[in-house]
Amino acid sequence: MYLHLGQDTVVKTDEIVAIFDLENTSISKITKGFLADAEKSGRVFNVSYELPKSFVICNSKGKTTVYITQISSATLKKRSGYMDDISNV
């Protein structure tokens, strides 16, 4: 299954490592350092033209990518489990 992150960007749900709320997690020095390192190495993609609300870490074939999106982490979580919820009905 795929998860739409905004604009024309979708990722495979099995490649998603974590979904974080940007406002709450960017307070930490560790998170700031991780995002700064990812940006320096060209692994951060901003898929938002609006104020970013969350970021998604994906890992595909050993390559880590960070997507910054305007969609809230709660909405992304709901979307990522949508098919699981339907299959349990």
C-alpha atoms as a PDB file:
ATOM      1  CA  MET A   1       0.000   0.000   0.000  1.00  0.00           C
ATOM      2  CA  TYR A   2       1.050   3.590  -0.528  1.00  0.00           C
ATOM      3  CA  LEU A   3       0.746   6.689   1.630  1.00  0.00           C
ATOM      4  CA  HIS A   4       0.182  10.134   0.088  1.00  0.00           C
ATOM      5  CA  LEU A   5       2.426  12.727   1.773  1.00  0.00           C
ATOM      6  CA  GLY A   6       1.354  15.811  -0.135  1.00  0.00           C
ATOM      7  CA  GLN A   7       1.792  17.390  -3.549  1.00  0.00           C
ATOM      8  CA  ASP A   8       2.693  14.530  -5.920  1.00  0.00           C
ATOM      9  CA  THR A   9       4.551  12.409  -3.374  1.00  0.00           C
ATOM     10  CA  VAL A  10       3.617   8.903  -2.274  1.00  0.00           C
ATOM     11  CA  VAL A  11       5.705   6.318  -0.414  1.00  0.00           C
ATOM     12  CA  LYS A  12       5.256   2.616   0.185  1.00  0.00           C
ATOM     13  CA  THR A  13       3.934   2.010   3.687  1.00  0.00           C
ATOM     14  CA  ASP A  14       6.383  -0.844   4.241  1.00  0.00           C
ATOM     15  CA  GLU A  15       9.266   1.635   3.763  1.00  0.00           C
ATOM     16  CA  ILE A  16       8.029   3.974   6.519  1.00  0.00           C
ATOM     17  CA  VAL A  17      10.174   3.818   9.632  1.00  0.00           C
ATOM     18  CA  ALA A  18       8.480   6.594  11.632  1.00  0.00           C
ATOM     19  CA  ILE A  19       6.059   9.502  11.442  1.00  0.00           C
ATOM     20  CA  PHE A  20       6.809  12.469  13.716  1.00  0.00           C
ATOM     21  CA  ASP A  21       5.015  15.668  14.678  1.00  0.00           C
ATOM     22  CA  LEU A  22       7.451  18.422  13.694  1.00  0.00           C
ATOM     23  CA  GLU A  23       6.509  20.882  16.442  1.00  0.00           C
ATOM     24  CA  ASN A  24       6.862  18.424  19.329  1.00  0.00           C
ATOM     25  CA  THR A  25       9.939  16.521  18.205  1.00  0.00           C
ATOM     26  CA  SER A  26      12.076  19.332  16.793  1.00  0.00           C
ATOM     27  CA  ILE A  27      12.664  20.621  20.331  1.00  0.00           C
ATOM     28  CA  SER A  28      15.136  17.805  20.986  1.00  0.00           C
ATOM     29  CA  LYS A  29      18.816  18.350  20.178  1.00  0.00           C
ATOM     30  CA  ILE A  30      19.021  14.803  18.838  1.00  0.00           C
ATOM     31  CA  THR A  31      16.153  15.365  16.404  1.00  0.00           C
ATOM     32  CA  LYS A  32      17.569  18.717  15.301  1.00  0.00           C
ATOM     33  CA  GLY A  33      20.939  17.070  14.693  1.00  0.00           C
ATOM     34  CA  PHE A  34      19.372  14.191  12.765  1.00  0.00           C
ATOM     35  CA  LEU A  35      17.407  16.555  10.520  1.00  0.00           C
ATOM     36  CA  ALA A  36      20.441  18.813   9.991  1.00  0.00           C
ATOM     37  CA  ASP A  37      22.625  15.840   9.002  1.00  0.00           C
ATOM     38  CA  ALA A  38      19.942  14.501   6.672  1.00  0.00           C
ATOM     39  CA  GLU A  39      19.590  17.925   5.050  1.00  0.00           C
ATOM     40  CA  LYS A  40      23.360  18.295   4.566  1.00  0.00           C
ATOM     41  CA  SER A  41      23.525  14.920   2.848  1.00  0.00           C
ATOM     42  CA  GLY A  42      20.585  15.736   0.557  1.00  0.00           C
ATOM     43  CA  ARG A  43      18.148  13.222   2.041  1.00  0.00           C
ATOM     44  CA  VAL A  44      15.407  15.699   3.037  1.00  0.00           C
ATOM     45  CA  PHE A  45      12.552  16.456   0.664  1.00  0.00           C
ATOM     46  CA  ASN A  46      10.018  19.144   1.464  1.00  0.00           C
ATOM     47  CA  VAL A  47       6.726  18.107  -0.138  1.00  0.00           C
ATOM     48  CA  SER A  48       4.816  21.083   1.238  1.00  0.00           C
ATOM     49  CA  TYR A  49       4.212  24.607   0.056  1.00  0.00           C
ATOM     50  CA  GLU A  50       2.491  25.360   3.358  1.00  0.00           C
ATOM     51  CA  LEU A  51       3.642  25.392   6.979  1.00  0.00           C
ATOM     52  CA  PRO A  52       5.104  21.921   7.675  1.00  0.00           C
ATOM     53  CA  LYS A  53       3.438  19.874  10.395  1.00  0.00           C
ATOM     54  CA  SER A  54       5.250  16.547  10.351  1.00  0.00           C
ATOM     55  CA  PHE A  55       8.084  14.548   8.904  1.00  0.00           C
ATOM     56  CA  VAL A  56       8.247  10.957   7.734  1.00  0.00           C
ATOM     57  CA  ILE A  57      11.386   8.831   7.797  1.00  0.00           C
ATOM     58  CA  CYS A  58      11.562   6.135   5.133  1.00  0.00           C
ATOM     59  CA  ASN A  59      14.162   3.455   4.470  1.00  0.00           C
ATOM     60  CA  SER A  60      14.406   1.796   1.080  1.00  0.00           C
ATOM     61  CA  LYS A  61      17.257  -0.543   0.228  1.00  0.00           C
ATOM     62  CA  GLY A  62      19.377   0.837   3.072  1.00  0.00           C
ATOM     63  CA  LYS A  63      18.856   4.461   2.030  1.00  0.00           C
ATOM     64  CA  THR A  64      17.130   6.730   4.548  1.00  0.00           C
ATOM     65  CA  THR A  65      14.965   9.578   3.256  1.00  0.00           C
ATOM     66  CA  VAL A  66      13.123  12.258   5.231  1.00  0.00           C
ATOM     67  CA  TYR A  67       9.951  13.845   3.859  1.00  0.00           C
ATOM     68  CA  ILE A  68       8.629  17.059   5.393  1.00  0.00           C
ATOM     69  CA  THR A  69       4.897  17.510   4.861  1.00  0.00           C
ATOM     70  CA  GLN A  70       2.028  19.832   5.748  1.00  0.00           C
ATOM     71  CA  ILE A  71      -0.181  16.870   6.699  1.00  0.00           C
ATOM     72  CA  SER A  72      -0.418  16.210  10.431  1.00  0.00           C
ATOM     73  CA  SER A  73       1.138  13.105  11.928  1.00  0.00           C
ATOM     74  CA  ALA A  74      -2.290  11.989  13.205  1.00  0.00           C
ATOM     75  CA  THR A  75      -3.778  12.147   9.709  1.00  0.00           C
ATOM     76  CA  LEU A  76      -0.821  10.279   8.215  1.00  0.00           C
ATOM     77  CA  LYS A  77      -1.154   7.590  10.886  1.00  0.00           C
ATOM     78  CA  LYS A  78      -4.861   7.192  10.107  1.00  0.00           C
ATOM     79  CA  ARG A  79      -4.164   6.994   6.380  1.00  0.00           C
ATOM     80  CA  SER A  80      -1.395   4.442   6.822  1.00  0.00           C
ATOM     81  CA  GLY A  81      -3.678   2.076   8.744  1.00  0.00           C
ATOM     82  CA  TYR A  82      -6.753   2.601   6.576  1.00  0.00           C
ATOM     83  CA  MET A  83      -6.609  -0.740   4.772  1.00  0.00           C
ATOM     84  CA  ASP A  84      -5.753  -2.628   7.979  1.00  0.00           C
ATOM     85  CA  ASP A  85      -8.907  -1.266   9.592  1.00  0.00           C
ATOM     86  CA  ILE A  86     -11.044  -2.284   6.621  1.00  0.00           C
ATOM     87  CA  SER A  87      -9.644  -5.826   6.522  1.00  0.00           C
ATOM     88  CA  ASN A  88     -10.565  -6.322  10.200  1.00  0.00           C
ATOM     89  CA  VAL A  89     -14.266  -5.618   9.571  1.00  0.00           C
END
